[in-house]
Amino acid sequence: MPLSLANQVVNRCLRITDQDNVTITVASHSIPLAEDLAVECFRNGADVLLNLYTDKYQSAYRNLLSVESLRQPSVFCKALTESSTAEIFLLAAYDPGIFTQTPAEKVAADSEGEQKAHYPLSREKKLRAISIGLPLLTKPRAKRYGFNFSRWSKMMTAATNVDYGKLAATGRKLKDVLSAADTVHVVAPGGTDLTLGVSGGHWSVSDGVIDDDDIAAEDFNDTIPAGSISICPGGAQGNIRFNAPTPYQGIAVNNVKWKFRDGRLTKFEGGASTRRLKDEWEHATGDKDMIASLSIGFNPAASTGFTFNDVAGGGVSVGIGSNEFNGGKNKSSFFFSGTLAGATVTADDKTVVRAGKIAIR
């Protein structure tokens, strides 16, 4: 019999013990799942705190606090980072439309404060963390992003309930090939032709479990649904045009076009849906124009065009800005990752993804 989600997260992914202090950050519509997770933690003797975020609360602090205040790390967030040994995130607004009410400069300032509160302290403490995607499943979110709620719900549920043993095996095969490569070349319909330097970089595998090997490699974060392999590239040259819509801050962002030279963004273009994203990027600080991440999804039950695009089988995601969360050196108040469907990826001379399908068996 498959484990319950709470059992899977607590006992397999995070391996909670009586030595752990667990913070569960939860939205009001996800309290039942948070309670189940807390019960599993208590069974193992761990201490647990439920950290509640409501839509009204999130909207209020972003809109009522000043830009200067938002830029400062929250003393509460910093204290939770200092005292926790593991974190579980069920954080998803019930209606993401609340985010469209906040000026771009305040979004950027809030991100800057959050970065200061959590990094690099969380990595220094080896704080294990998992983000769970099921709380995203709300009808207001589906309406705002144009999702078919039934199809989206079935996809997310199936992607969450995959065979994690098979998922890990696929991740290992991909890592064997990609770790030997010096460059990764990505081409896709619509004009994408991007070369990324990956020589000597560390490929992190998201397979739904944070095990001893992950901790030794300082891979402390995972997601459910899981199923991706990622790296902080050492450079990037070329063009990318994302062809899969990305839900972001209450907006379905489409048709973002970037140009890179020597790992730095030199052109940021797009249509109407990109204006808000670019406005936030322009107000951001730090290494906002640096290549941050390359990710290849391999969850066979996940698909692009909804949420968790980065784990969709054969999907290729590229991000700019901060990458401290993944062990990188970029420090910024901005991070955005878009996704390509139908891409072909070669690692040196080996094809890893062919026309949107994993080619490694």
Protein backbone atom coordinates (compact mmCIF):
# COMPACT_ATOMS: atom_id res chain seq x y z
CA MET A 1 0.00 0.00 0.00
CA PRO A 2 1.42 3.46 -0.91
CA LEU A 3 2.38 5.69 1.98
CA SER A 4 0.20 8.67 2.78
CA LEU A 5 1.65 11.98 1.60
CA ALA A 6 2.34 13.07 5.19
CA ASN A 7 4.12 9.79 5.92
CA GLN A 8 6.12 10.05 2.69
CA VAL A 9 7.28 13.60 3.44
CA VAL A 10 8.12 13.10 7.11
CA ASN A 11 9.64 9.63 7.05
CA ARG A 12 11.12 9.22 3.56
CA CYS A 13 11.88 12.67 2.25
CA LEU A 14 12.96 14.55 5.36
CA ARG A 15 13.57 11.55 7.68
CA ILE A 16 12.38 13.47 10.73
CA THR A 17 13.64 12.29 14.14
CA ASP A 18 13.31 13.37 17.76
CA GLN A 19 16.30 15.67 17.18
CA ASP A 20 14.36 17.86 14.74
CA ASN A 21 12.58 21.18 15.11
CA VAL A 22 10.15 21.39 12.19
CA THR A 23 8.51 24.57 10.90
CA ILE A 24 5.49 23.98 8.67
CA THR A 25 4.57 27.15 6.77
CA VAL A 26 0.94 26.76 5.77
CA ALA A 27 -1.87 28.57 3.97
CA SER A 28 -5.30 28.48 5.58
CA HIS A 29 -6.78 26.16 2.92
CA SER A 30 -3.96 23.64 3.57
CA ILE A 31 -4.34 23.32 7.34
CA PRO A 32 -5.65 19.71 7.20
CA LEU A 33 -2.50 18.53 5.39
CA ALA A 34 -0.33 20.57 7.79
CA GLU A 35 -2.06 18.86 10.73
CA ASP A 36 -1.35 15.41 9.22
CA LEU A 37 2.30 16.35 8.73
CA ALA A 38 2.55 17.62 12.32
CA VAL A 39 1.02 14.37 13.63
CA GLU A 40 3.66 12.34 11.77
CA CYS A 41 6.41 14.57 13.15
CA PHE A 42 5.08 14.23 16.70
CA ARG A 43 5.02 10.43 16.30
CA ASN A 44 8.78 10.67 15.71
CA GLY A 45 9.31 12.89 18.74
CA ALA A 46 10.01 16.10 16.81
CA ASP A 47 9.00 19.59 17.88
CA VAL A 48 6.67 21.35 15.41
CA LEU A 49 5.50 24.90 14.72
CA LEU A 50 2.65 25.75 12.33
CA ASN A 51 3.41 29.10 10.68
CA LEU A 52 0.17 30.44 9.14
CA TYR A 53 -0.03 32.71 6.11
CA THR A 54 -3.46 33.90 4.89
CA ASP A 55 -4.19 35.81 1.69
CA LYS A 56 -5.20 38.90 3.66
CA TYR A 57 -2.02 38.69 5.76
CA GLN A 58 0.27 38.33 2.71
CA SER A 59 -1.44 41.17 0.87
CA ALA A 60 -1.35 43.46 3.89
CA TYR A 61 2.33 43.19 4.76
CA ARG A 62 3.40 43.65 1.14
CA ASN A 63 1.16 46.66 0.56
CA LEU A 64 1.20 48.41 3.95
CA LEU A 65 4.86 48.11 4.94
CA SER A 66 7.27 50.56 3.36
CA VAL A 67 9.87 49.58 0.76
CA GLU A 68 12.60 50.25 3.34
CA SER A 69 10.90 47.98 5.87
CA LEU A 70 10.38 45.16 3.36
CA ARG A 71 14.06 45.25 2.43
CA GLN A 72 15.02 44.36 6.00
CA PRO A 73 14.98 40.69 7.03
CA SER A 74 12.02 39.81 9.23
CA VAL A 75 13.21 39.06 12.77
CA PHE A 76 10.65 36.25 12.91
CA CYS A 77 11.79 34.67 9.64
CA LYS A 78 15.40 34.89 10.73
CA ALA A 79 14.59 33.36 14.12
CA LEU A 80 12.75 30.47 12.47
CA THR A 81 15.73 29.84 10.20
CA GLU A 82 18.03 29.85 13.21
CA SER A 83 15.90 27.47 15.30
CA SER A 84 14.56 25.04 12.69
CA THR A 85 16.32 21.91 11.45
CA ALA A 86 13.68 21.13 8.81
CA GLU A 87 11.02 23.11 6.98
CA ILE A 88 7.90 22.08 5.09
CA PHE A 89 6.26 24.62 2.82
CA LEU A 90 2.54 24.45 2.07
CA LEU A 91 2.61 28.10 1.18
CA ALA A 92 0.26 28.99 -1.66
CA ALA A 93 -2.19 31.85 -1.82
CA TYR A 94 -5.77 30.71 -2.28
CA ASP A 95 -6.21 33.46 -4.90
CA PRO A 96 -2.92 34.58 -6.50
CA GLY A 97 -4.70 37.70 -7.71
CA ILE A 98 -3.62 39.30 -4.42
CA PHE A 99 -0.09 39.57 -5.80
CA THR A 100 -1.11 41.78 -8.71
CA GLN A 101 -2.09 44.53 -6.24
CA THR A 102 1.47 45.07 -5.02
CA PRO A 103 3.79 47.60 -6.75
CA ALA A 104 6.80 46.01 -8.42
CA GLU A 105 9.26 47.88 -6.20
CA LYS A 106 7.63 46.37 -3.11
CA VAL A 107 7.77 42.85 -4.58
CA ALA A 108 11.48 43.35 -5.22
CA ALA A 109 12.03 44.75 -1.72
CA ASP A 110 10.13 41.85 -0.11
CA SER A 111 12.27 39.36 -2.04
CA GLU A 112 15.42 41.15 -0.89
CA GLY A 113 14.32 40.93 2.75
CA GLU A 114 13.44 37.25 2.40
CA GLN A 115 16.85 36.47 0.91
CA LYS A 116 18.59 38.19 3.82
CA ALA A 117 16.48 36.32 6.37
CA HIS A 118 17.14 32.86 4.94
CA TYR A 119 20.45 32.85 3.05
CA PRO A 120 23.20 31.93 3.57
CA LEU A 121 22.11 30.95 7.12
CA SER A 122 19.87 28.08 6.01
CA ARG A 123 22.72 26.45 4.09
CA GLU A 124 25.19 26.98 6.94
CA LYS A 125 22.76 25.16 9.24
CA LYS A 126 22.12 22.38 6.68
CA LEU A 127 18.42 23.14 7.00
CA ARG A 128 16.42 20.49 5.10
CA ALA A 129 13.39 21.85 3.29
CA ILE A 130 10.63 20.53 1.07
CA SER A 131 7.97 22.42 -0.85
CA ILE A 132 4.70 20.62 -1.55
CA GLY A 133 2.71 21.60 -4.63
CA LEU A 134 -0.78 20.31 -3.88
CA PRO A 135 -1.84 23.49 -1.98
CA LEU A 136 -1.60 25.30 -5.33
CA LEU A 137 -4.75 23.47 -6.44
CA THR A 138 -7.45 26.12 -6.01
CA LYS A 139 -10.18 27.14 -8.42
CA PRO A 140 -9.32 30.88 -8.22
CA ARG A 141 -5.76 30.02 -9.31
CA ALA A 142 -7.04 27.87 -12.18
CA LYS A 143 -9.34 30.67 -13.33
CA ARG A 144 -6.65 33.34 -13.15
CA TYR A 145 -4.10 31.29 -15.11
CA GLY A 146 -6.56 29.74 -17.54
CA PHE A 147 -6.05 26.16 -16.35
CA ASN A 148 -8.60 23.39 -16.83
CA PHE A 149 -8.99 22.62 -13.12
CA SER A 150 -9.84 18.94 -13.58
CA ARG A 151 -6.88 18.25 -15.91
CA TRP A 152 -4.51 20.23 -13.71
CA SER A 153 -5.65 18.46 -10.54
CA LYS A 154 -5.27 15.02 -12.12
CA MET A 155 -1.79 15.91 -13.37
CA MET A 156 -0.58 17.23 -10.02
CA THR A 157 -2.00 14.24 -8.15
CA ALA A 158 -0.44 11.76 -10.56
CA ALA A 159 2.91 13.57 -10.51
CA THR A 160 2.85 13.50 -6.70
CA ASN A 161 2.09 9.77 -6.57
CA VAL A 162 4.79 8.48 -8.94
CA ASP A 163 7.09 5.57 -8.15
CA TYR A 164 9.88 7.39 -6.31
CA GLY A 165 12.29 4.48 -6.72
CA LYS A 166 12.01 4.66 -10.51
CA LEU A 167 12.24 8.44 -10.34
CA ALA A 168 15.54 8.22 -8.43
CA ALA A 169 16.91 5.69 -10.93
CA THR A 170 16.19 8.04 -13.83
CA GLY A 171 17.85 10.88 -11.95
CA ARG A 172 21.01 8.82 -11.43
CA LYS A 173 21.24 7.96 -15.15
CA LEU A 174 20.85 11.59 -16.16
CA LYS A 175 23.44 12.69 -13.63
CA ASP A 176 25.99 10.15 -14.93
CA VAL A 177 25.73 11.61 -18.44
CA LEU A 178 25.43 15.29 -17.55
CA SER A 179 28.25 15.29 -14.98
CA ALA A 180 30.73 14.25 -17.65
CA ALA A 181 29.83 17.14 -19.97
CA ASP A 182 31.60 20.47 -20.45
CA THR A 183 28.74 22.19 -22.28
CA VAL A 184 25.00 21.77 -22.70
CA HIS A 185 23.34 22.93 -25.90
CA VAL A 186 19.60 23.68 -25.96
CA VAL A 187 17.53 24.26 -29.08
CA ALA A 188 13.75 24.58 -29.29
CA PRO A 189 11.02 25.81 -31.63
CA GLY A 190 10.66 29.60 -31.68
CA GLY A 191 14.32 30.59 -31.93
CA THR A 192 15.98 29.09 -28.83
CA ASP A 193 19.66 28.34 -29.37
CA LEU A 194 21.56 28.46 -26.09
CA THR A 195 24.89 27.03 -24.98
CA LEU A 196 25.67 26.74 -21.28
CA GLY A 197 28.98 25.98 -19.57
CA VAL A 198 28.64 23.19 -17.00
CA SER A 199 32.20 21.89 -16.65
CA GLY A 200 32.99 21.04 -13.03
CA GLY A 201 29.54 22.11 -11.83
CA HIS A 202 27.36 20.19 -9.43
CA TRP A 203 24.16 18.59 -10.74
CA SER A 204 21.45 18.42 -8.05
CA VAL A 205 18.82 15.70 -8.39
CA SER A 206 15.30 16.26 -7.08
CA ASP A 207 13.85 12.78 -6.53
CA GLY A 208 11.58 13.40 -3.54
CA VAL A 209 14.10 12.22 -0.92
CA ILE A 210 16.81 14.17 0.95
CA ASP A 211 19.21 11.35 1.79
CA ASP A 212 22.73 11.22 3.22
CA ASP A 213 24.29 11.64 -0.23
CA ASP A 214 22.23 14.79 -0.81
CA ILE A 215 23.24 16.25 2.54
CA ALA A 216 26.91 15.47 1.87
CA ALA A 217 26.55 17.28 -1.46
CA GLU A 218 24.76 20.18 0.30
CA ASP A 219 21.51 19.52 -1.58
CA PHE A 220 19.13 20.39 1.24
CA ASN A 221 15.98 21.25 -0.76
CA ASP A 222 13.46 19.15 -2.61
CA THR A 223 9.92 19.34 -3.91
CA ILE A 224 6.84 17.17 -4.28
CA PRO A 225 6.07 16.64 -7.11
CA ALA A 226 9.75 15.83 -7.66
CA GLY A 227 11.70 14.86 -10.75
CA SER A 228 14.33 17.29 -12.03
CA ILE A 229 18.08 17.66 -12.33
CA SER A 230 19.60 21.12 -12.14
CA ILE A 231 22.86 23.02 -12.13
CA CYS A 232 24.10 26.57 -11.66
CA PRO A 233 25.81 27.06 -15.05
CA GLY A 234 29.19 28.70 -15.32
CA GLY A 235 28.22 30.67 -18.41
CA ALA A 236 25.62 31.13 -21.14
CA GLN A 237 25.73 32.24 -24.77
CA GLY A 238 22.80 32.65 -27.15
CA ASN A 239 19.07 33.15 -27.20
CA ILE A 240 16.09 31.60 -25.49
CA ARG A 241 12.37 32.08 -26.11
CA PHE A 242 10.16 30.33 -23.58
CA ASN A 243 7.17 28.61 -25.16
CA ALA A 244 5.44 27.25 -22.05
CA PRO A 245 3.40 29.71 -19.92
CA THR A 246 4.70 30.25 -16.39
CA PRO A 247 2.38 31.21 -13.50
CA TYR A 248 4.02 34.09 -11.66
CA GLN A 249 2.64 36.51 -9.08
CA GLY A 250 -0.92 36.18 -10.37
CA ILE A 251 0.03 36.49 -14.06
CA ALA A 252 0.51 33.78 -16.71
CA VAL A 253 3.82 34.92 -18.20
CA ASN A 254 4.24 34.03 -21.88
CA ASN A 255 6.76 34.51 -24.64
CA VAL A 256 9.71 35.78 -22.57
CA LYS A 257 12.80 36.26 -24.73
CA TRP A 258 16.32 36.52 -23.32
CA LYS A 259 19.73 36.98 -24.90
CA PHE A 260 22.92 36.02 -23.09
CA ARG A 261 26.55 36.91 -23.58
CA ASP A 262 29.27 35.55 -21.28
CA GLY A 263 26.66 34.38 -18.78
CA ARG A 264 25.03 37.79 -18.49
CA LEU A 265 21.59 38.82 -19.74
CA THR A 266 21.90 41.44 -22.49
CA LYS A 267 18.30 41.55 -23.74
CA PHE A 268 14.97 41.04 -21.92
CA GLU A 269 11.88 41.14 -24.14
CA GLY A 270 8.34 39.82 -24.28
CA GLY A 271 4.70 40.68 -24.74
CA ALA A 272 2.08 42.19 -22.47
CA SER A 273 2.33 39.41 -19.88
CA THR A 274 6.07 40.11 -19.51
CA ARG A 275 5.73 43.76 -18.53
CA ARG A 276 5.07 43.11 -14.85
CA LEU A 277 7.92 40.57 -14.66
CA LYS A 278 10.37 42.94 -16.34
CA ASP A 279 9.26 45.79 -14.08
CA GLU A 280 10.09 43.66 -11.01
CA TRP A 281 13.41 42.70 -12.58
CA GLU A 282 14.29 46.35 -13.19
CA HIS A 283 13.54 47.22 -9.54
CA ALA A 284 15.57 44.26 -8.24
CA THR A 285 19.09 44.40 -6.82
CA GLY A 286 22.23 42.30 -7.07
CA ASP A 287 23.07 39.70 -9.72
CA LYS A 288 19.68 39.92 -11.40
CA ASP A 289 21.11 39.70 -14.92
CA MET A 290 23.28 36.60 -14.34
CA ILE A 291 22.44 33.10 -15.51
CA ALA A 292 21.23 31.23 -12.43
CA SER A 293 19.98 27.77 -13.29
CA LEU A 294 19.42 25.06 -15.86
CA SER A 295 16.95 22.32 -15.04
CA ILE A 296 15.72 19.25 -16.91
CA GLY A 297 12.49 17.60 -15.77
CA PHE A 298 11.95 13.85 -15.75
CA ASN A 299 8.71 13.22 -13.86
CA PRO A 300 6.75 11.05 -16.34
CA ALA A 301 3.35 12.12 -14.95
CA ALA A 302 3.99 15.88 -15.00
CA SER A 303 3.40 18.13 -18.01
CA THR A 304 4.23 21.72 -18.91
CA GLY A 305 1.66 24.48 -19.07
CA PHE A 306 0.43 24.24 -15.48
CA THR A 307 2.49 24.45 -12.27
CA PHE A 308 5.77 22.72 -11.41
CA ASN A 309 6.87 23.06 -15.05
CA ASP A 310 10.46 22.31 -14.02
CA VAL A 311 9.70 18.65 -13.17
CA ALA A 312 7.69 17.91 -16.33
CA GLY A 313 9.26 15.06 -18.27
CA GLY A 314 11.44 16.52 -21.03
CA GLY A 315 10.80 20.12 -20.00
CA VAL A 316 13.87 22.39 -19.90
CA SER A 317 13.91 25.37 -17.54
CA VAL A 318 16.39 28.25 -17.43
CA GLY A 319 16.54 30.90 -14.71
CA ILE A 320 18.24 34.21 -13.99
CA GLY A 321 19.05 36.04 -10.75
CA SER A 322 19.54 34.50 -7.32
CA ASN A 323 20.70 30.89 -7.02
CA GLU A 324 21.84 30.71 -3.40
CA PHE A 325 18.97 28.29 -2.73
CA ASN A 326 20.70 25.84 -5.07
CA GLY A 327 24.23 26.40 -3.78
CA GLY A 328 25.15 29.08 -6.32
CA LYS A 329 26.97 32.37 -5.83
CA ASN A 330 24.44 34.80 -7.34
CA LYS A 331 22.99 37.18 -4.76
CA SER A 332 19.88 39.01 -5.90
CA SER A 333 16.36 39.95 -4.87
CA PHE A 334 15.12 38.51 -8.18
CA PHE A 335 14.70 34.99 -9.53
CA PHE A 336 12.62 33.80 -12.45
CA SER A 337 12.78 30.53 -14.35
CA GLY A 338 10.92 29.89 -17.60
CA THR A 339 10.34 26.57 -19.34
CA LEU A 340 10.73 25.19 -22.86
CA ALA A 341 8.51 22.42 -24.22
CA GLY A 342 9.67 20.39 -27.21
CA ALA A 343 13.35 21.21 -26.69
CA THR A 344 16.35 19.11 -27.70
CA VAL A 345 19.30 19.03 -25.31
CA THR A 346 22.78 17.69 -25.98
CA ALA A 347 25.48 17.28 -23.35
CA ASP A 348 28.70 17.52 -25.38
CA ASP A 349 27.87 14.93 -28.07
CA LYS A 350 25.17 12.97 -26.22
CA THR A 351 21.46 13.68 -26.69
CA VAL A 352 19.74 13.93 -23.31
CA VAL A 353 16.36 15.29 -24.43
CA ARG A 354 14.98 14.87 -27.93
CA ALA A 355 11.99 16.97 -29.01
CA GLY A 356 10.70 17.23 -25.45
CA LYS A 357 11.26 13.57 -24.49
CA ILE A 358 13.95 12.17 -22.18
CA ALA A 359 16.38 10.29 -24.44
CA ILE A 360 18.43 8.54 -21.73
CA ARG A 361 17.23 5.04 -20.87
